[in-house]
Structure formats: C-alpha cells, structure tokens
Amino acid sequence: MEKMSYAVKISSKIREKVRDFCDRYGIKQGYFVEKALEEKLEREETVQDALELKRWKYQEPQAIAFEEYLKQRNVY
C-alpha cells in the first residue's frame, strides 16, 4: 500500500497525549493515528448508513418487488 503524508492541525494537548501514549506502549505514532482514523471512519459510515435507512423507511410502503420493477423496465 502506498503511503503518503497527511498534515492536520490538532491541539497541543491531544498531540502530547498521543505522543505520551505511543511512547509508553511502544507504538509508532503514524500507525496509531492511521488506525484511529480508520476505526473512526468505519463507525461514522455505520452511523450514516443507519440514518439513511431511517430517511428512506417512509418510502417502504410504496416499494415493489424487484421482479415487478424489471418487468416494468422490459428487462425481465
């Protein structure tokens, strides 16, 4: 996997916490931050998926079977 830099500004308090944590447990900071971002993205995607399902739920009563949709489109 190709690696590249990604610079962001964070508070000095968070920077120190990350540095201290990684130093204490022998974890590379780059690895730690990459994994933290990856995990956060996965959680946020799950939340957004749930919100999208909630937004579309009101249309469920108008849903038709997939086979019927294909017939209407002259595909089936």
N, C-alpha and C. Protein backbone atom coordinates (compact mmCIF):
# COMPACT_ATOMS: atom_id res chain seq x y z
N MET A 1 0.84 -1.17 0.00
CA MET A 1 0.00 0.00 0.00
C MET A 1 0.89 1.24 0.00
N GLU A 2 0.57 2.17 -0.85
CA GLU A 2 1.33 3.41 -0.93
C GLU A 2 1.07 4.27 0.29
N LYS A 3 2.10 4.84 0.84
CA LYS A 3 1.97 5.73 2.00
C LYS A 3 2.20 7.16 1.55
N MET A 4 1.48 8.07 2.16
CA MET A 4 1.66 9.49 1.88
C MET A 4 1.41 10.29 3.14
N SER A 5 1.88 11.51 3.15
CA SER A 5 1.68 12.39 4.30
C SER A 5 0.31 13.03 4.26
N TYR A 6 -0.20 13.31 5.45
CA TYR A 6 -1.49 13.97 5.59
C TYR A 6 -1.38 14.88 6.81
N ALA A 7 -1.20 16.15 6.57
CA ALA A 7 -0.96 17.09 7.66
C ALA A 7 -2.26 17.75 8.12
N VAL A 8 -2.46 17.78 9.42
CA VAL A 8 -3.61 18.46 10.01
C VAL A 8 -3.14 19.19 11.26
N LYS A 9 -3.89 20.19 11.64
CA LYS A 9 -3.59 20.91 12.89
C LYS A 9 -4.46 20.33 13.99
N ILE A 10 -3.81 19.98 15.10
CA ILE A 10 -4.53 19.47 16.27
C ILE A 10 -4.05 20.24 17.49
N SER A 11 -4.82 20.14 18.54
CA SER A 11 -4.43 20.86 19.76
C SER A 11 -3.15 20.25 20.33
N SER A 12 -2.38 21.07 21.00
CA SER A 12 -1.14 20.59 21.61
C SER A 12 -1.44 19.56 22.69
N LYS A 13 -2.58 19.68 23.34
CA LYS A 13 -2.98 18.72 24.39
C LYS A 13 -3.15 17.31 23.80
N ILE A 14 -3.86 17.23 22.67
CA ILE A 14 -4.06 15.93 22.02
C ILE A 14 -2.73 15.40 21.49
N ARG A 15 -1.94 16.26 20.92
CA ARG A 15 -0.62 15.87 20.40
C ARG A 15 0.23 15.24 21.50
N GLU A 16 0.23 15.85 22.66
CA GLU A 16 1.00 15.33 23.79
C GLU A 16 0.44 14.00 24.28
N LYS A 17 -0.88 13.88 24.32
CA LYS A 17 -1.50 12.62 24.76
C LYS A 17 -1.12 11.48 23.81
N VAL A 18 -1.20 11.75 22.51
CA VAL A 18 -0.85 10.72 21.53
C VAL A 18 0.63 10.35 21.67
N ARG A 19 1.48 11.34 21.75
CA ARG A 19 2.92 11.08 21.86
C ARG A 19 3.23 10.28 23.13
N ASP A 20 2.67 10.71 24.26
CA ASP A 20 2.92 10.02 25.52
C ASP A 20 2.40 8.57 25.49
N PHE A 21 1.19 8.39 24.96
CA PHE A 21 0.61 7.05 24.87
C PHE A 21 1.47 6.14 24.02
N CYS A 22 1.84 6.64 22.84
CA CYS A 22 2.64 5.83 21.93
C CYS A 22 4.02 5.52 22.52
N ASP A 23 4.62 6.49 23.17
CA ASP A 23 5.93 6.26 23.81
C ASP A 23 5.80 5.22 24.93
N ARG A 24 4.75 5.33 25.72
CA ARG A 24 4.55 4.43 26.85
C ARG A 24 4.37 2.98 26.41
N TYR A 25 3.65 2.77 25.30
CA TYR A 25 3.35 1.42 24.86
C TYR A 25 4.15 0.96 23.65
N GLY A 26 5.11 1.77 23.23
CA GLY A 26 5.98 1.37 22.13
C GLY A 26 5.27 1.28 20.78
N ILE A 27 4.32 2.15 20.55
CA ILE A 27 3.57 2.17 19.30
C ILE A 27 4.05 3.34 18.46
N LYS A 28 4.21 3.12 17.18
CA LYS A 28 4.59 4.22 16.30
C LYS A 28 3.39 5.15 16.14
N GLN A 29 3.65 6.44 16.23
CA GLN A 29 2.57 7.43 16.18
C GLN A 29 1.82 7.39 14.85
N GLY A 30 2.54 7.25 13.76
CA GLY A 30 1.88 7.19 12.45
C GLY A 30 0.91 6.04 12.35
N TYR A 31 1.33 4.87 12.83
CA TYR A 31 0.47 3.69 12.84
C TYR A 31 -0.75 3.92 13.71
N PHE A 32 -0.51 4.48 14.91
CA PHE A 32 -1.60 4.73 15.85
C PHE A 32 -2.66 5.67 15.25
N VAL A 33 -2.20 6.76 14.67
CA VAL A 33 -3.13 7.75 14.10
C VAL A 33 -3.87 7.16 12.90
N GLU A 34 -3.16 6.42 12.06
CA GLU A 34 -3.81 5.80 10.89
C GLU A 34 -4.91 4.84 11.33
N LYS A 35 -4.62 4.00 12.32
CA LYS A 35 -5.63 3.05 12.79
C LYS A 35 -6.80 3.76 13.47
N ALA A 36 -6.51 4.82 14.20
CA ALA A 36 -7.58 5.58 14.86
C ALA A 36 -8.51 6.20 13.82
N LEU A 37 -7.94 6.76 12.76
CA LEU A 37 -8.77 7.35 11.70
C LEU A 37 -9.58 6.27 10.98
N GLU A 38 -8.96 5.13 10.73
CA GLU A 38 -9.66 4.04 10.07
C GLU A 38 -10.86 3.57 10.89
N GLU A 39 -10.66 3.38 12.19
CA GLU A 39 -11.75 2.95 13.07
C GLU A 39 -12.86 4.00 13.15
N LYS A 40 -12.49 5.25 13.24
CA LYS A 40 -13.48 6.33 13.30
C LYS A 40 -14.30 6.38 12.02
N LEU A 41 -13.65 6.23 10.87
CA LEU A 41 -14.37 6.22 9.59
C LEU A 41 -15.38 5.08 9.53
N GLU A 42 -14.98 3.91 9.99
CA GLU A 42 -15.89 2.76 9.98
C GLU A 42 -17.11 3.03 10.85
N ARG A 43 -16.90 3.61 12.05
CA ARG A 43 -18.03 3.93 12.95
C ARG A 43 -18.94 4.97 12.31
N GLU A 44 -18.36 6.00 11.73
CA GLU A 44 -19.16 7.07 11.11
C GLU A 44 -19.95 6.56 9.91
N GLU A 45 -19.35 5.65 9.13
CA GLU A 45 -20.07 5.06 8.00
C GLU A 45 -21.28 4.27 8.47
N THR A 46 -21.13 3.56 9.58
CA THR A 46 -22.24 2.80 10.14
C THR A 46 -23.36 3.75 10.59
N VAL A 47 -23.00 4.83 11.23
CA VAL A 47 -23.99 5.82 11.67
C VAL A 47 -24.71 6.42 10.46
N GLN A 48 -23.96 6.78 9.44
CA GLN A 48 -24.58 7.38 8.25
C GLN A 48 -25.48 6.39 7.53
N ASP A 49 -25.09 5.11 7.49
CA ASP A 49 -25.95 4.09 6.89
C ASP A 49 -27.27 3.98 7.65
N ALA A 50 -27.19 3.99 8.97
CA ALA A 50 -28.41 3.90 9.78
C ALA A 50 -29.32 5.11 9.56
N LEU A 51 -28.72 6.29 9.47
CA LEU A 51 -29.52 7.49 9.22
C LEU A 51 -30.17 7.45 7.85
N GLU A 52 -29.45 6.95 6.86
CA GLU A 52 -30.01 6.84 5.51
C GLU A 52 -31.19 5.87 5.48
N LEU A 53 -31.04 4.74 6.17
CA LEU A 53 -32.15 3.79 6.24
C LEU A 53 -33.38 4.43 6.89
N LYS A 54 -33.14 5.21 7.93
CA LYS A 54 -34.24 5.87 8.62
C LYS A 54 -34.92 6.88 7.70
N ARG A 55 -34.14 7.62 6.91
CA ARG A 55 -34.71 8.61 6.00
C ARG A 55 -35.55 7.96 4.90
N TRP A 56 -35.15 6.78 4.45
CA TRP A 56 -35.85 6.12 3.36
C TRP A 56 -36.98 5.20 3.82
N LYS A 57 -37.05 4.93 5.11
CA LYS A 57 -38.05 4.00 5.62
C LYS A 57 -39.48 4.41 5.27
N TYR A 58 -39.76 5.71 5.22
CA TYR A 58 -41.12 6.16 4.91
C TYR A 58 -41.56 5.74 3.52
N GLN A 59 -40.63 5.44 2.62
CA GLN A 59 -40.98 5.03 1.26
C GLN A 59 -41.22 3.53 1.13
N GLU A 60 -40.97 2.79 2.17
CA GLU A 60 -41.10 1.34 2.12
C GLU A 60 -42.49 0.87 1.67
N PRO A 61 -43.59 1.50 2.13
CA PRO A 61 -44.91 1.03 1.68
C PRO A 61 -45.11 1.13 0.16
N GLN A 62 -44.40 2.01 -0.52
CA GLN A 62 -44.54 2.14 -1.97
C GLN A 62 -43.62 1.20 -2.74
N ALA A 63 -42.80 0.44 -2.04
CA ALA A 63 -41.83 -0.44 -2.70
C ALA A 63 -42.55 -1.56 -3.45
N ILE A 64 -41.95 -1.97 -4.56
CA ILE A 64 -42.47 -3.09 -5.34
C ILE A 64 -41.39 -4.16 -5.41
N ALA A 65 -41.81 -5.37 -5.74
CA ALA A 65 -40.86 -6.48 -5.87
C ALA A 65 -39.88 -6.19 -7.00
N PHE A 66 -38.67 -6.68 -6.86
CA PHE A 66 -37.63 -6.44 -7.87
C PHE A 66 -38.05 -7.01 -9.22
N GLU A 67 -38.68 -8.18 -9.21
CA GLU A 67 -39.14 -8.79 -10.46
C GLU A 67 -40.15 -7.88 -11.16
N GLU A 68 -41.04 -7.27 -10.39
CA GLU A 68 -42.03 -6.34 -10.96
C GLU A 68 -41.33 -5.13 -11.57
N TYR A 69 -40.34 -4.62 -10.89
CA TYR A 69 -39.57 -3.48 -11.41
C TYR A 69 -38.92 -3.86 -12.75
N LEU A 70 -38.33 -5.05 -12.82
CA LEU A 70 -37.70 -5.47 -14.05
C LEU A 70 -38.73 -5.60 -15.19
N LYS A 71 -39.92 -6.12 -14.88
CA LYS A 71 -40.97 -6.22 -15.89
C LYS A 71 -41.36 -4.84 -16.40
N GLN A 72 -41.50 -3.89 -15.49
CA GLN A 72 -41.86 -2.52 -15.89
C GLN A 72 -40.80 -1.90 -16.78
N ARG A 73 -39.57 -2.29 -16.60
CA ARG A 73 -38.46 -1.76 -17.39
C ARG A 73 -38.20 -2.59 -18.64
N ASN A 74 -39.06 -3.62 -18.88
CA ASN A 74 -38.91 -4.54 -20.01
C ASN A 74 -37.55 -5.24 -20.01
N VAL A 75 -37.09 -5.60 -18.84
CA VAL A 75 -35.82 -6.29 -18.72
C VAL A 75 -36.06 -7.76 -18.42
N TYR A 76 -37.18 -8.05 -17.85
CA TYR A 76 -37.47 -9.40 -17.37
C TYR A 76 -38.34 -10.15 -18.33
